[in-house]
C-alpha atoms as a PDB file:
ATOM      1  CA  UNK A   1      19.605   0.301 -18.536  1.00  0.00           C
ATOM      2  CA  UNK A   2      17.063   2.955 -17.665  1.00  0.00           C
ATOM      3  CA  UNK A   3      13.436   1.800 -17.717  1.00  0.00           C
ATOM      4  CA  UNK A   4      11.178   3.599 -20.228  1.00  0.00           C
ATOM      5  CA  UNK A   5       8.285   5.616 -18.786  1.00  0.00           C
ATOM      6  CA  UNK A   6       5.029   6.224 -20.655  1.00  0.00           C
ATOM      7  CA  UNK A   7       2.791   8.991 -19.394  1.00  0.00           C
ATOM      8  CA  UNK A   8      -0.856   8.064 -19.803  1.00  0.00           C
ATOM      9  CA  UNK A   9      -3.459  10.759 -19.214  1.00  0.00           C
ATOM     10  CA  UNK A  10      -6.282   9.249 -21.269  1.00  0.00           C
ATOM     11  CA  UNK A  11      -6.211   5.436 -21.507  1.00  0.00           C
ATOM     12  CA  UNK A  12      -8.781   5.357 -24.312  1.00  0.00           C
ATOM     13  CA  UNK A  13      -6.590   7.582 -26.489  1.00  0.00           C
ATOM     14  CA  UNK A  14      -3.360   5.717 -25.735  1.00  0.00           C
ATOM     15  CA  UNK A  15      -4.219   2.122 -26.538  1.00  0.00           C
ATOM     16  CA  UNK A  16      -0.899   1.484 -28.297  1.00  0.00           C
ATOM     17  CA  UNK A  17       1.032   2.123 -25.109  1.00  0.00           C
ATOM     18  CA  UNK A  18      -1.314  -0.109 -23.128  1.00  0.00           C
ATOM     19  CA  UNK A  19      -0.964  -2.819 -25.779  1.00  0.00           C
ATOM     20  CA  UNK A  20       2.815  -2.653 -25.440  1.00  0.00           C
ATOM     21  CA  UNK A  21       2.510  -2.975 -21.655  1.00  0.00           C
ATOM     22  CA  UNK A  22       0.174  -5.945 -22.083  1.00  0.00           C
ATOM     23  CA  UNK A  23       2.630  -7.562 -24.507  1.00  0.00           C
ATOM     24  CA  UNK A  24       5.393  -7.276 -21.901  1.00  0.00           C
ATOM     25  CA  UNK A  25       3.137  -8.885 -19.292  1.00  0.00           C
ATOM     26  CA  UNK A  26       2.234 -11.747 -21.658  1.00  0.00           C
ATOM     27  CA  UNK A  27       5.950 -12.418 -22.152  1.00  0.00           C
ATOM     28  CA  UNK A  28       6.453 -12.699 -18.393  1.00  0.00           C
ATOM     29  CA  UNK A  29       7.833  -9.179 -17.945  1.00  0.00           C
ATOM     30  CA  UNK A  30       7.132  -6.566 -15.289  1.00  0.00           C
ATOM     31  CA  UNK A  31       5.169  -3.325 -15.689  1.00  0.00           C
ATOM     32  CA  UNK A  32       4.662  -0.602 -13.083  1.00  0.00           C
ATOM     33  CA  UNK A  33       1.216   0.992 -13.185  1.00  0.00           C
ATOM     34  CA  UNK A  34      -0.767   3.484 -11.075  1.00  0.00           C
ATOM     35  CA  UNK A  35      -3.735   2.613  -8.888  1.00  0.00           C
ATOM     36  CA  UNK A  36      -5.930   4.831  -6.734  1.00  0.00           C
ATOM     37  CA  UNK A  37      -3.956   3.665  -3.659  1.00  0.00           C
ATOM     38  CA  UNK A  38      -0.250   3.424  -4.594  1.00  0.00           C
ATOM     39  CA  UNK A  39       1.761   2.423  -7.667  1.00  0.00           C
ATOM     40  CA  UNK A  40       1.861  -1.326  -8.322  1.00  0.00           C
ATOM     41  CA  UNK A  41       4.638  -3.568  -9.650  1.00  0.00           C
ATOM     42  CA  UNK A  42       2.733  -5.861 -11.980  1.00  0.00           C
ATOM     43  CA  UNK A  43       3.267  -9.281 -13.519  1.00  0.00           C
ATOM     44  CA  UNK A  44       1.034 -12.032 -14.893  1.00  0.00           C
ATOM     45  CA  UNK A  45      -0.730 -13.508 -11.850  1.00  0.00           C
ATOM     46  CA  UNK A  46      -1.070 -16.877 -13.608  1.00  0.00           C
ATOM     47  CA  UNK A  47       2.659 -17.108 -14.364  1.00  0.00           C
ATOM     48  CA  UNK A  48       4.838 -18.529 -11.577  1.00  0.00           C
ATOM     49  CA  UNK A  49       8.033 -17.162 -13.123  1.00  0.00           C
ATOM     50  CA  UNK A  50       6.552 -13.667 -13.343  1.00  0.00           C
ATOM     51  CA  UNK A  51       5.699 -13.826  -9.639  1.00  0.00           C
ATOM     52  CA  UNK A  52       9.282 -14.815  -8.871  1.00  0.00           C
ATOM     53  CA  UNK A  53      10.501 -11.832 -10.914  1.00  0.00           C
ATOM     54  CA  UNK A  54       8.310  -9.532  -8.815  1.00  0.00           C
ATOM     55  CA  UNK A  55       9.860 -10.822  -5.592  1.00  0.00           C
ATOM     56  CA  UNK A  56      13.352 -10.432  -7.065  1.00  0.00           C
ATOM     57  CA  UNK A  57      12.735  -6.870  -8.324  1.00  0.00           C
ATOM     58  CA  UNK A  58      11.480  -5.770  -4.907  1.00  0.00           C
ATOM     59  CA  UNK A  59      13.939  -7.799  -2.850  1.00  0.00           C
ATOM     60  CA  UNK A  60      10.796  -9.146  -1.182  1.00  0.00           C
ATOM     61  CA  UNK A  61      10.588 -12.395   0.822  1.00  0.00           C
ATOM     62  CA  UNK A  62       8.698 -14.989  -1.224  1.00  0.00           C
ATOM     63  CA  UNK A  63       6.357 -15.878   1.662  1.00  0.00           C
ATOM     64  CA  UNK A  64       4.794 -12.399   1.516  1.00  0.00           C
ATOM     65  CA  UNK A  65       1.667 -12.850  -0.661  1.00  0.00           C
ATOM     66  CA  UNK A  66       0.905 -10.708  -3.710  1.00  0.00           C
ATOM     67  CA  UNK A  67      -2.441  -9.038  -4.445  1.00  0.00           C
ATOM     68  CA  UNK A  68      -4.168 -10.130  -7.657  1.00  0.00           C
ATOM     69  CA  UNK A  69      -5.799  -7.261  -9.586  1.00  0.00           C
ATOM     70  CA  UNK A  70      -8.834  -7.975 -11.760  1.00  0.00           C
ATOM     71  CA  UNK A  71     -10.781  -5.875 -14.274  1.00  0.00           C
ATOM     72  CA  UNK A  72     -14.257  -6.641 -12.919  1.00  0.00           C
ATOM     73  CA  UNK A  73     -15.328  -7.862  -9.464  1.00  0.00           C
ATOM     74  CA  UNK A  74     -17.082 -10.853 -11.049  1.00  0.00           C
ATOM     75  CA  UNK A  75     -13.742 -12.029 -12.492  1.00  0.00           C
ATOM     76  CA  UNK A  76     -12.828 -13.272  -9.015  1.00  0.00           C
ATOM     77  CA  UNK A  77     -14.880 -16.416  -9.745  1.00  0.00           C
ATOM     78  CA  UNK A  78     -12.330 -17.428 -12.402  1.00  0.00           C
ATOM     79  CA  UNK A  79      -9.497 -17.516  -9.879  1.00  0.00           C
ATOM     80  CA  UNK A  80     -11.093 -18.147  -6.478  1.00  0.00           C
ATOM     81  CA  UNK A  81     -14.015 -19.825  -4.713  1.00  0.00           C
ATOM     82  CA  UNK A  82     -16.385 -16.936  -4.075  1.00  0.00           C
ATOM     83  CA  UNK A  83     -18.924 -16.858  -1.203  1.00  0.00           C
ATOM     84  CA  UNK A  84     -22.059 -14.656  -1.302  1.00  0.00           C
ATOM     85  CA  UNK A  85     -20.491 -12.162   1.112  1.00  0.00           C
ATOM     86  CA  UNK A  86     -17.803 -11.368  -1.444  1.00  0.00           C
ATOM     87  CA  UNK A  87     -20.525 -10.263  -3.852  1.00  0.00           C
ATOM     88  CA  UNK A  88     -22.016  -8.019  -1.168  1.00  0.00           C
ATOM     89  CA  UNK A  89     -18.649  -6.394  -0.562  1.00  0.00           C
ATOM     90  CA  UNK A  90     -18.000  -6.058  -4.281  1.00  0.00           C
ATOM     91  CA  UNK A  91     -21.327  -4.328  -4.797  1.00  0.00           C
ATOM     92  CA  UNK A  92     -20.550  -1.860  -2.023  1.00  0.00           C
ATOM     93  CA  UNK A  93     -16.842  -1.153  -2.546  1.00  0.00           C
ATOM     94  CA  UNK A  94     -15.596  -2.334  -5.948  1.00  0.00           C
ATOM     95  CA  UNK A  95     -13.994  -1.090  -8.057  1.00  0.00           C
ATOM     96  CA  UNK A  96     -12.093   0.545  -5.230  1.00  0.00           C
ATOM     97  CA  UNK A  97      -9.484   0.175  -2.478  1.00  0.00           C
ATOM     98  CA  UNK A  98     -10.671  -3.140  -1.017  1.00  0.00           C
ATOM     99  CA  UNK A  99      -8.902  -6.512  -1.178  1.00  0.00           C
ATOM    100  CA  UNK A 100     -10.677  -9.726  -0.184  1.00  0.00           C
ATOM    101  CA  UNK A 101      -8.871 -12.983   0.670  1.00  0.00           C
ATOM    102  CA  UNK A 102     -10.539 -16.066  -0.810  1.00  0.00           C
ATOM    103  CA  UNK A 103      -9.672 -19.757  -1.306  1.00  0.00           C
ATOM    104  CA  UNK A 104      -7.734 -19.927  -4.573  1.00  0.00           C
ATOM    105  CA  UNK A 105      -8.245 -22.073  -7.657  1.00  0.00           C
ATOM    106  CA  UNK A 106      -5.381 -23.968  -9.280  1.00  0.00           C
ATOM    107  CA  UNK A 107      -5.044 -21.439 -12.118  1.00  0.00           C
ATOM    108  CA  UNK A 108      -3.203 -19.164  -9.667  1.00  0.00           C
ATOM    109  CA  UNK A 109       0.224 -20.616  -8.770  1.00  0.00           C
ATOM    110  CA  UNK A 110       1.387 -20.743  -5.175  1.00  0.00           C
ATOM    111  CA  UNK A 111       4.323 -18.471  -6.096  1.00  0.00           C
ATOM    112  CA  UNK A 112       1.756 -15.674  -6.520  1.00  0.00           C
ATOM    113  CA  UNK A 113       0.115 -16.366  -3.156  1.00  0.00           C
ATOM    114  CA  UNK A 114       3.287 -16.690  -1.114  1.00  0.00           C
ATOM    115  CA  UNK A 115       2.711 -20.426  -0.740  1.00  0.00           C
ATOM    116  CA  UNK A 116      -0.812 -19.999   0.641  1.00  0.00           C
ATOM    117  CA  UNK A 117      -4.003 -21.732  -0.488  1.00  0.00           C
ATOM    118  CA  UNK A 118      -5.746 -18.363  -0.548  1.00  0.00           C
ATOM    119  CA  UNK A 119      -5.674 -15.487  -3.015  1.00  0.00           C
ATOM    120  CA  UNK A 120      -5.938 -11.759  -2.300  1.00  0.00           C
ATOM    121  CA  UNK A 121      -8.280 -10.233  -4.916  1.00  0.00           C
ATOM    122  CA  UNK A 122      -8.836  -6.566  -5.707  1.00  0.00           C
ATOM    123  CA  UNK A 123     -10.493  -4.566  -8.502  1.00  0.00           C
ATOM    124  CA  UNK A 124      -8.794  -1.148  -8.746  1.00  0.00           C
ATOM    125  CA  UNK A 125     -10.746   1.944  -9.754  1.00  0.00           C
ATOM    126  CA  UNK A 126      -7.880   3.892 -11.340  1.00  0.00           C
ATOM    127  CA  UNK A 127      -8.630   4.255 -15.075  1.00  0.00           C
ATOM    128  CA  UNK A 128      -5.097   3.316 -16.161  1.00  0.00           C
ATOM    129  CA  UNK A 129      -5.007   0.208 -13.964  1.00  0.00           C
ATOM    130  CA  UNK A 130      -8.472  -0.823 -15.107  1.00  0.00           C
ATOM    131  CA  UNK A 131      -7.623  -0.300 -18.789  1.00  0.00           C
ATOM    132  CA  UNK A 132      -4.327  -2.211 -18.518  1.00  0.00           C
ATOM    133  CA  UNK A 133      -5.972  -5.265 -16.947  1.00  0.00           C
ATOM    134  CA  UNK A 134      -8.681  -5.226 -19.619  1.00  0.00           C
ATOM    135  CA  UNK A 135      -6.185  -5.028 -22.474  1.00  0.00           C
ATOM    136  CA  UNK A 136      -3.999  -7.718 -20.903  1.00  0.00           C
ATOM    137  CA  UNK A 137      -6.963 -10.036 -20.484  1.00  0.00           C
ATOM    138  CA  UNK A 138      -5.584 -11.769 -17.382  1.00  0.00           C
ATOM    139  CA  UNK A 139      -5.217 -10.861 -13.700  1.00  0.00           C
ATOM    140  CA  UNK A 140      -2.170  -8.852 -12.686  1.00  0.00           C
ATOM    141  CA  UNK A 141      -0.277  -9.704  -9.495  1.00  0.00           C
ATOM    142  CA  UNK A 142       1.071  -6.477  -8.051  1.00  0.00           C
ATOM    143  CA  UNK A 143       2.553  -5.429  -4.731  1.00  0.00           C
ATOM    144  CA  UNK A 144       3.552  -1.792  -4.257  1.00  0.00           C
ATOM    145  CA  UNK A 145       6.293  -0.702  -6.674  1.00  0.00           C
ATOM    146  CA  UNK A 146       9.024  -0.003  -4.112  1.00  0.00           C
ATOM    147  CA  UNK A 147      12.023  -1.850  -2.767  1.00  0.00           C
ATOM    148  CA  UNK A 148      10.899  -4.125   0.036  1.00  0.00           C
ATOM    149  CA  UNK A 149      10.499  -2.286   3.319  1.00  0.00           C
ATOM    150  CA  UNK A 150      10.690   1.251   1.921  1.00  0.00           C
ATOM    151  CA  UNK A 151       7.757   3.707   1.820  1.00  0.00           C
ATOM    152  CA  UNK A 152       5.265   2.814  -0.890  1.00  0.00           C
ATOM    153  CA  UNK A 153       5.352   5.019  -4.011  1.00  0.00           C
ATOM    154  CA  UNK A 154       2.522   7.444  -4.739  1.00  0.00           C
ATOM    155  CA  UNK A 155       4.308   9.329  -7.562  1.00  0.00           C
ATOM    156  CA  UNK A 156       6.267   8.134 -10.584  1.00  0.00           C
ATOM    157  CA  UNK A 157       9.349   9.890  -9.168  1.00  0.00           C
ATOM    158  CA  UNK A 158       9.222   7.559  -6.162  1.00  0.00           C
ATOM    159  CA  UNK A 159       8.887   4.549  -8.459  1.00  0.00           C
ATOM    160  CA  UNK A 160      11.856   5.615 -10.576  1.00  0.00           C
ATOM    161  CA  UNK A 161      13.995   5.968  -7.451  1.00  0.00           C
ATOM    162  CA  UNK A 162      13.441   2.324  -6.495  1.00  0.00           C
ATOM    163  CA  UNK A 163      12.588   0.473  -9.712  1.00  0.00           C
ATOM    164  CA  UNK A 164      14.583   2.071 -12.537  1.00  0.00           C
ATOM    165  CA  UNK A 165      16.376  -0.733 -14.372  1.00  0.00           C
ATOM    166  CA  UNK A 166      14.542  -3.433 -12.397  1.00  0.00           C
ATOM    167  CA  UNK A 167      11.365  -3.547 -14.507  1.00  0.00           C
ATOM    168  CA  UNK A 168      10.535  -3.485 -18.218  1.00  0.00           C
ATOM    169  CA  UNK A 169       8.156  -0.497 -18.359  1.00  0.00           C
ATOM    170  CA  UNK A 170       6.604   2.155 -16.121  1.00  0.00           C
ATOM    171  CA  UNK A 171       3.214   3.774 -16.740  1.00  0.00           C
ATOM    172  CA  UNK A 172       2.858   7.271 -15.281  1.00  0.00           C
ATOM    173  CA  UNK A 173      -0.724   8.090 -14.351  1.00  0.00           C
ATOM    174  CA  UNK A 174       0.015  10.996 -12.028  1.00  0.00           C
ATOM    175  CA  UNK A 175      -0.110  11.132  -8.218  1.00  0.00           C
ATOM    176  CA  UNK A 176      -2.206   8.486  -6.475  1.00  0.00           C
ATOM    177  CA  UNK A 177      -5.467   9.724  -5.013  1.00  0.00           C
ATOM    178  CA  UNK A 178      -5.558   7.804  -1.710  1.00  0.00           C
ATOM    179  CA  UNK A 179      -1.884   7.265  -0.858  1.00  0.00           C
ATOM    180  CA  UNK A 180      -2.259   4.183   1.371  1.00  0.00           C
ATOM    181  CA  UNK A 181      -2.580   0.583   0.211  1.00  0.00           C
ATOM    182  CA  UNK A 182      -5.975  -1.106   0.035  1.00  0.00           C
ATOM    183  CA  UNK A 183      -7.956  -2.448   2.956  1.00  0.00           C
ATOM    184  CA  UNK A 184      -7.595  -6.253   3.248  1.00  0.00           C
ATOM    185  CA  UNK A 185     -10.256  -8.504   4.783  1.00  0.00           C
ATOM    186  CA  UNK A 186     -10.642 -12.247   5.125  1.00  0.00           C
ATOM    187  CA  UNK A 187     -14.174 -13.654   5.202  1.00  0.00           C
ATOM    188  CA  UNK A 188     -15.352 -16.317   7.631  1.00  0.00           C
ATOM    189  CA  UNK A 189     -18.048 -18.931   7.118  1.00  0.00           C
ATOM    190  CA  UNK A 190     -20.258 -17.337   9.805  1.00  0.00           C
ATOM    191  CA  UNK A 191     -20.522 -14.106   7.793  1.00  0.00           C
ATOM    192  CA  UNK A 192     -18.002 -12.137   9.830  1.00  0.00           C
ATOM    193  CA  UNK A 193     -14.605 -10.927   8.639  1.00  0.00           C
ATOM    194  CA  UNK A 194     -11.104 -10.274   9.918  1.00  0.00           C
ATOM    195  CA  UNK A 195      -9.518  -6.934   9.037  1.00  0.00           C
ATOM    196  CA  UNK A 196      -5.924  -7.803   8.147  1.00  0.00           C
ATOM    197  CA  UNK A 197      -4.843  -4.400   6.846  1.00  0.00           C
ATOM    198  CA  UNK A 198      -6.804  -1.164   7.297  1.00  0.00           C
ATOM    199  CA  UNK A 199      -7.159   1.312   4.454  1.00  0.00           C
ATOM    200  CA  UNK A 200      -9.557   3.807   2.913  1.00  0.00           C
ATOM    201  CA  UNK A 201     -12.447   1.349   3.288  1.00  0.00           C
ATOM    202  CA  UNK A 202     -12.703   1.659   7.057  1.00  0.00           C
ATOM    203  CA  UNK A 203     -13.976  -0.850   9.594  1.00  0.00           C
ATOM    204  CA  UNK A 204     -17.102   1.270  10.095  1.00  0.00           C
ATOM    205  CA  UNK A 205     -17.759   1.146   6.350  1.00  0.00           C
ATOM    206  CA  UNK A 206     -17.309  -2.634   6.320  1.00  0.00           C
ATOM    207  CA  UNK A 207     -19.795  -2.947   9.178  1.00  0.00           C
ATOM    208  CA  UNK A 208     -22.439  -1.450   6.893  1.00  0.00           C
ATOM    209  CA  UNK A 209     -22.202  -4.712   4.898  1.00  0.00           C
ATOM    210  CA  UNK A 210     -20.835  -7.311   7.320  1.00  0.00           C
ATOM    211  CA  UNK A 211     -22.357  -8.262  10.699  1.00  0.00           C
ATOM    212  CA  UNK A 212     -19.015  -8.349  12.507  1.00  0.00           C
ATOM    213  CA  UNK A 213     -15.460  -7.223  11.672  1.00  0.00           C
ATOM    214  CA  UNK A 214     -12.637  -8.295  13.963  1.00  0.00           C
ATOM    215  CA  UNK A 215      -9.359  -6.388  13.824  1.00  0.00           C
ATOM    216  CA  UNK A 216      -6.392  -8.760  13.544  1.00  0.00           C
ATOM    217  CA  UNK A 217      -3.836  -8.244  16.345  1.00  0.00           C
ATOM    218  CA  UNK A 218      -1.100  -7.707  13.727  1.00  0.00           C
ATOM    219  CA  UNK A 219      -2.833  -4.493  12.559  1.00  0.00           C
ATOM    220  CA  UNK A 220      -1.559  -2.635  15.621  1.00  0.00           C
ATOM    221  CA  UNK A 221       1.022  -5.107  16.934  1.00  0.00           C
ATOM    222  CA  UNK A 222       3.558  -7.594  15.650  1.00  0.00           C
ATOM    223  CA  UNK A 223       3.049 -11.143  14.380  1.00  0.00           C
ATOM    224  CA  UNK A 224       3.867 -13.872  16.853  1.00  0.00           C
ATOM    225  CA  UNK A 225       7.026 -15.913  16.063  1.00  0.00           C
ATOM    226  CA  UNK A 226       6.174 -18.502  13.419  1.00  0.00           C
ATOM    227  CA  UNK A 227       2.759 -16.965  12.646  1.00  0.00           C
ATOM    228  CA  UNK A 228       1.830 -17.078   8.939  1.00  0.00           C
ATOM    229  CA  UNK A 229       1.273 -13.747   7.170  1.00  0.00           C
ATOM    230  CA  UNK A 230      -2.137 -13.960   5.490  1.00  0.00           C
ATOM    231  CA  UNK A 231      -1.775 -10.672   3.650  1.00  0.00           C
ATOM    232  CA  UNK A 232       0.917  -8.185   2.568  1.00  0.00           C
ATOM    233  CA  UNK A 233       2.257  -5.813   5.195  1.00  0.00           C
ATOM    234  CA  UNK A 234       1.793  -8.106   8.191  1.00  0.00           C
ATOM    235  CA  UNK A 235       5.071  -9.913   8.767  1.00  0.00           C
ATOM    236  CA  UNK A 236       7.978  -7.633   7.916  1.00  0.00           C
ATOM    237  CA  UNK A 237       9.066  -4.085   8.630  1.00  0.00           C
ATOM    238  CA  UNK A 238       7.319  -1.957   6.025  1.00  0.00           C
ATOM    239  CA  UNK A 239       7.011   1.599   4.729  1.00  0.00           C
ATOM    240  CA  UNK A 240      10.218   2.595   6.497  1.00  0.00           C
ATOM    241  CA  UNK A 241      12.777   5.318   5.752  1.00  0.00           C
ATOM    242  CA  UNK A 242      16.475   4.575   6.168  1.00  0.00           C
ATOM    243  CA  UNK A 243      16.797   6.934   9.150  1.00  0.00           C
ATOM    244  CA  UNK A 244      15.183   5.953  12.458  1.00  0.00           C
ATOM    245  CA  UNK A 245      11.522   6.981  12.600  1.00  0.00           C
ATOM    246  CA  UNK A 246      10.052   7.730  16.039  1.00  0.00           C
ATOM    247  CA  UNK A 247       6.390   8.382  16.815  1.00  0.00           C
ATOM    248  CA  UNK A 248       5.532  10.886  19.543  1.00  0.00           C
ATOM    249  CA  UNK A 249       2.567  10.527  21.882  1.00  0.00           C
ATOM    250  CA  UNK A 250       1.403  12.995  24.504  1.00  0.00           C
ATOM    251  CA  UNK A 251      -0.070  16.476  24.989  1.00  0.00           C
ATOM    252  CA  UNK A 252       0.437  18.765  21.991  1.00  0.00           C
ATOM    253  CA  UNK A 253       2.425  21.375  23.900  1.00  0.00           C
ATOM    254  CA  UNK A 254       4.781  18.744  25.305  1.00  0.00           C
ATOM    255  CA  UNK A 255       5.389  17.402  21.795  1.00  0.00           C
ATOM    256  CA  UNK A 256       6.086  20.892  20.429  1.00  0.00           C
ATOM    257  CA  UNK A 257       8.492  21.647  23.290  1.00  0.00           C
ATOM    258  CA  UNK A 258      10.321  18.379  22.645  1.00  0.00           C
ATOM    259  CA  UNK A 259      10.593  19.097  18.918  1.00  0.00           C
ATOM    260  CA  UNK A 260      11.927  22.624  19.529  1.00  0.00           C
ATOM    261  CA  UNK A 261      14.739  21.110  21.591  1.00  0.00           C
ATOM    262  CA  UNK A 262      15.421  18.364  19.052  1.00  0.00           C
ATOM    263  CA  UNK A 263      15.682  20.864  16.176  1.00  0.00           C
ATOM    264  CA  UNK A 264      19.181  21.701  17.359  1.00  0.00           C
ATOM    265  CA  UNK A 265      20.193  18.135  16.497  1.00  0.00           C
ATOM    266  CA  UNK A 266      19.041  18.417  12.898  1.00  0.00           C
ATOM    267  CA  UNK A 267      16.011  16.142  13.148  1.00  0.00           C
ATOM    268  CA  UNK A 268      13.263  15.978  10.539  1.00  0.00           C
ATOM    269  CA  UNK A 269       9.604  16.323  11.525  1.00  0.00           C
ATOM    270  CA  UNK A 270       6.442  15.106   9.853  1.00  0.00           C
ATOM    271  CA  UNK A 271       4.322  17.916  11.230  1.00  0.00           C
ATOM    272  CA  UNK A 272       0.733  19.076  10.957  1.00  0.00           C
ATOM    273  CA  UNK A 273       0.175  22.205   8.880  1.00  0.00           C
ATOM    274  CA  UNK A 274      -0.873  24.120  12.015  1.00  0.00           C
ATOM    275  CA  UNK A 275       2.539  23.469  13.584  1.00  0.00           C
ATOM    276  CA  UNK A 276       4.639  25.067  10.851  1.00  0.00           C
ATOM    277  CA  UNK A 277       4.593  28.489  12.504  1.00  0.00           C
ATOM    278  CA  UNK A 278       5.438  26.951  15.884  1.00  0.00           C
ATOM    279  CA  UNK A 279       8.599  25.220  14.727  1.00  0.00           C
ATOM    280  CA  UNK A 280      11.726  26.778  13.267  1.00  0.00           C
ATOM    281  CA  UNK A 281      13.322  23.668  11.847  1.00  0.00           C
ATOM    282  CA  UNK A 282      14.309  23.782   8.180  1.00  0.00           C
ATOM    283  CA  UNK A 283      13.464  20.088   8.046  1.00  0.00           C
ATOM    284  CA  UNK A 284       9.674  20.278   8.356  1.00  0.00           C
ATOM    285  CA  UNK A 285       7.609  17.986   6.167  1.00  0.00           C
ATOM    286  CA  UNK A 286       3.926  18.898   6.553  1.00  0.00           C
ATOM    287  CA  UNK A 287       1.452  16.043   6.194  1.00  0.00           C
ATOM    288  CA  UNK A 288      -1.692  18.195   6.200  1.00  0.00           C
ATOM    289  CA  UNK A 289      -4.122  19.674   8.719  1.00  0.00           C
ATOM    290  CA  UNK A 290      -4.428  17.779  11.997  1.00  0.00           C
ATOM    291  CA  UNK A 291      -8.105  16.977  11.374  1.00  0.00           C
ATOM    292  CA  UNK A 292      -7.709  15.964   7.723  1.00  0.00           C
ATOM    293  CA  UNK A 293      -6.798  12.273   7.855  1.00  0.00           C
ATOM    294  CA  UNK A 294      -7.379  11.786   4.122  1.00  0.00           C
ATOM    295  CA  UNK A 295      -4.785  14.440   3.286  1.00  0.00           C
ATOM    296  CA  UNK A 296      -2.358  12.910   5.765  1.00  0.00           C
ATOM    297  CA  UNK A 297      -2.825   9.559   4.050  1.00  0.00           C
ATOM    298  CA  UNK A 298      -2.129  11.101   0.621  1.00  0.00           C
ATOM    299  CA  UNK A 299       1.070  12.771   1.821  1.00  0.00           C
ATOM    300  CA  UNK A 300       2.478  10.219   4.276  1.00  0.00           C
ATOM    301  CA  UNK A 301       4.734   8.093   2.088  1.00  0.00           C
ATOM    302  CA  UNK A 302       5.977  11.017   0.004  1.00  0.00           C
ATOM    303  CA  UNK A 303       6.841  12.990   3.132  1.00  0.00           C
ATOM    304  CA  UNK A 304       8.647   9.991   4.629  1.00  0.00           C
ATOM    305  CA  UNK A 305      10.788   9.739   1.510  1.00  0.00           C
ATOM    306  CA  UNK A 306      11.481  13.487   1.477  1.00  0.00           C
ATOM    307  CA  UNK A 307      12.422  13.475   5.157  1.00  0.00           C
ATOM    308  CA  UNK A 308      14.754  10.558   4.539  1.00  0.00           C
ATOM    309  CA  UNK A 309      16.415  12.382   1.650  1.00  0.00           C
ATOM    310  CA  UNK A 310      17.084  15.366   3.940  1.00  0.00           C
ATOM    311  CA  UNK A 311      19.834  13.433   5.686  1.00  0.00           C
ATOM    312  CA  UNK A 312      18.326  13.914   9.138  1.00  0.00           C
ATOM    313  CA  UNK A 313      19.687  11.527  11.766  1.00  0.00           C
ATOM    314  CA  UNK A 314      16.150  10.874  13.069  1.00  0.00           C
ATOM    315  CA  UNK A 315      12.617  11.540  11.833  1.00  0.00           C
ATOM    316  CA  UNK A 316       9.735  12.308  14.205  1.00  0.00           C
ATOM    317  CA  UNK A 317       6.011  12.039  13.601  1.00  0.00           C
ATOM    318  CA  UNK A 318       2.759  12.093  15.549  1.00  0.00           C
ATOM    319  CA  UNK A 319       1.215   8.838  16.770  1.00  0.00           C
ATOM    320  CA  UNK A 320      -2.118   8.720  14.906  1.00  0.00           C
ATOM    321  CA  UNK A 321      -5.507   8.052  16.424  1.00  0.00           C
ATOM    322  CA  UNK A 322      -6.925   4.575  15.814  1.00  0.00           C
ATOM    323  CA  UNK A 323     -10.393   5.528  14.606  1.00  0.00           C
ATOM    324  CA  UNK A 324     -11.649   5.480  11.024  1.00  0.00           C
ATOM    325  CA  UNK A 325      -8.909   6.231   8.513  1.00  0.00           C
ATOM    326  CA  UNK A 326      -6.635   6.940  11.476  1.00  0.00           C
ATOM    327  CA  UNK A 327      -6.311   3.183  12.011  1.00  0.00           C
ATOM    328  CA  UNK A 328      -4.760   2.845   8.541  1.00  0.00           C
ATOM    329  CA  UNK A 329      -2.344   5.696   9.278  1.00  0.00           C
ATOM    330  CA  UNK A 330      -1.487   4.104  12.624  1.00  0.00           C
ATOM    331  CA  UNK A 331      -0.841   0.741  10.973  1.00  0.00           C
ATOM    332  CA  UNK A 332       1.546   2.179   8.373  1.00  0.00           C
ATOM    333  CA  UNK A 333       3.360   4.531  10.731  1.00  0.00           C
ATOM    334  CA  UNK A 334       3.813   2.050  13.586  1.00  0.00           C
ATOM    335  CA  UNK A 335       5.442  -0.379  11.129  1.00  0.00           C
ATOM    336  CA  UNK A 336       7.571   2.334   9.542  1.00  0.00           C
ATOM    337  CA  UNK A 337       8.745   3.206  13.054  1.00  0.00           C
ATOM    338  CA  UNK A 338       9.367  -0.471  13.937  1.00  0.00           C
ATOM    339  CA  UNK A 339       6.896   0.102  16.827  1.00  0.00           C
ATOM    340  CA  UNK A 340       9.118   2.841  18.315  1.00  0.00           C
ATOM    341  CA  UNK A 341       6.907   5.260  20.296  1.00  0.00           C
ATOM    342  CA  UNK A 342       8.131   7.933  22.691  1.00  0.00           C
ATOM    343  CA  UNK A 343       5.557   9.079  25.238  1.00  0.00           C
ATOM    344  CA  UNK A 344       5.866  12.664  26.459  1.00  0.00           C
ATOM    345  CA  UNK A 345       6.483  14.205  28.890  1.00  0.00           C
END
């Protein structure tokens, strides 16, 4: 059966639809909802069976932890042991695209945390997400609303492609503002933190609050065999189209020359807007101006899906810089490409 979709433009004026979504969640069902980062696939975070349904709907390994969404940053104290540094981060960045890993309390089942003794907590700023959690009255466990491994959805059309018939209800709140999943950090007792997944809250921004922020090796590399994934997006191939995705590194002119040759083979290209006039391929998927990393983040997953739908035998993209928001783009794209980088010339 096709999953019903409710468009919600004004949460305050559409309480009945939110109440229906909350009722589904209370019964252990699944509801897709928008956040400022990507669309989430939500279930009751306190319900072990709901967590198992989330893993089944996504085809996601059950050792990949889920993020728990709360209505107010202070609600974290109900579900986790909260150090003072969490409150500092919450004051600076919440509601917003930041997730903090904390020791969990027993109210959150281990099915929600991927078997870990920690919980990943986030307070989204999207008005629909915020209103849904408030009406529900409990935390919502929600990974991105896509089939495991595929590009995360930033539009309801992307959600429908992957989740139609797999969930009980979808809430359409329009395109997501940021386009990349939240930043994830784990706090240490000495006041420092480990950046497990970069996002719109950059390392430089975190350093305005924290004395030291270490970047986990898995942000730019691969987990060691047997290493435990402390947050989503660390252990498995993620964000990937079906066709091979290859990142190109080298001088701009060398990359353009390579792409002109490859056009004859029907490739797809995630290009910068400035390159459109330089390339003749009918399979160009512009991600934004070269200097506008925020626009590239907004477009990335949608363009990956569109390029995949084009039927191209291979998709090329630029290897991002690793500064600021570029680190988040690098993290997503290197995983989507399964760490496949071609250096030119």
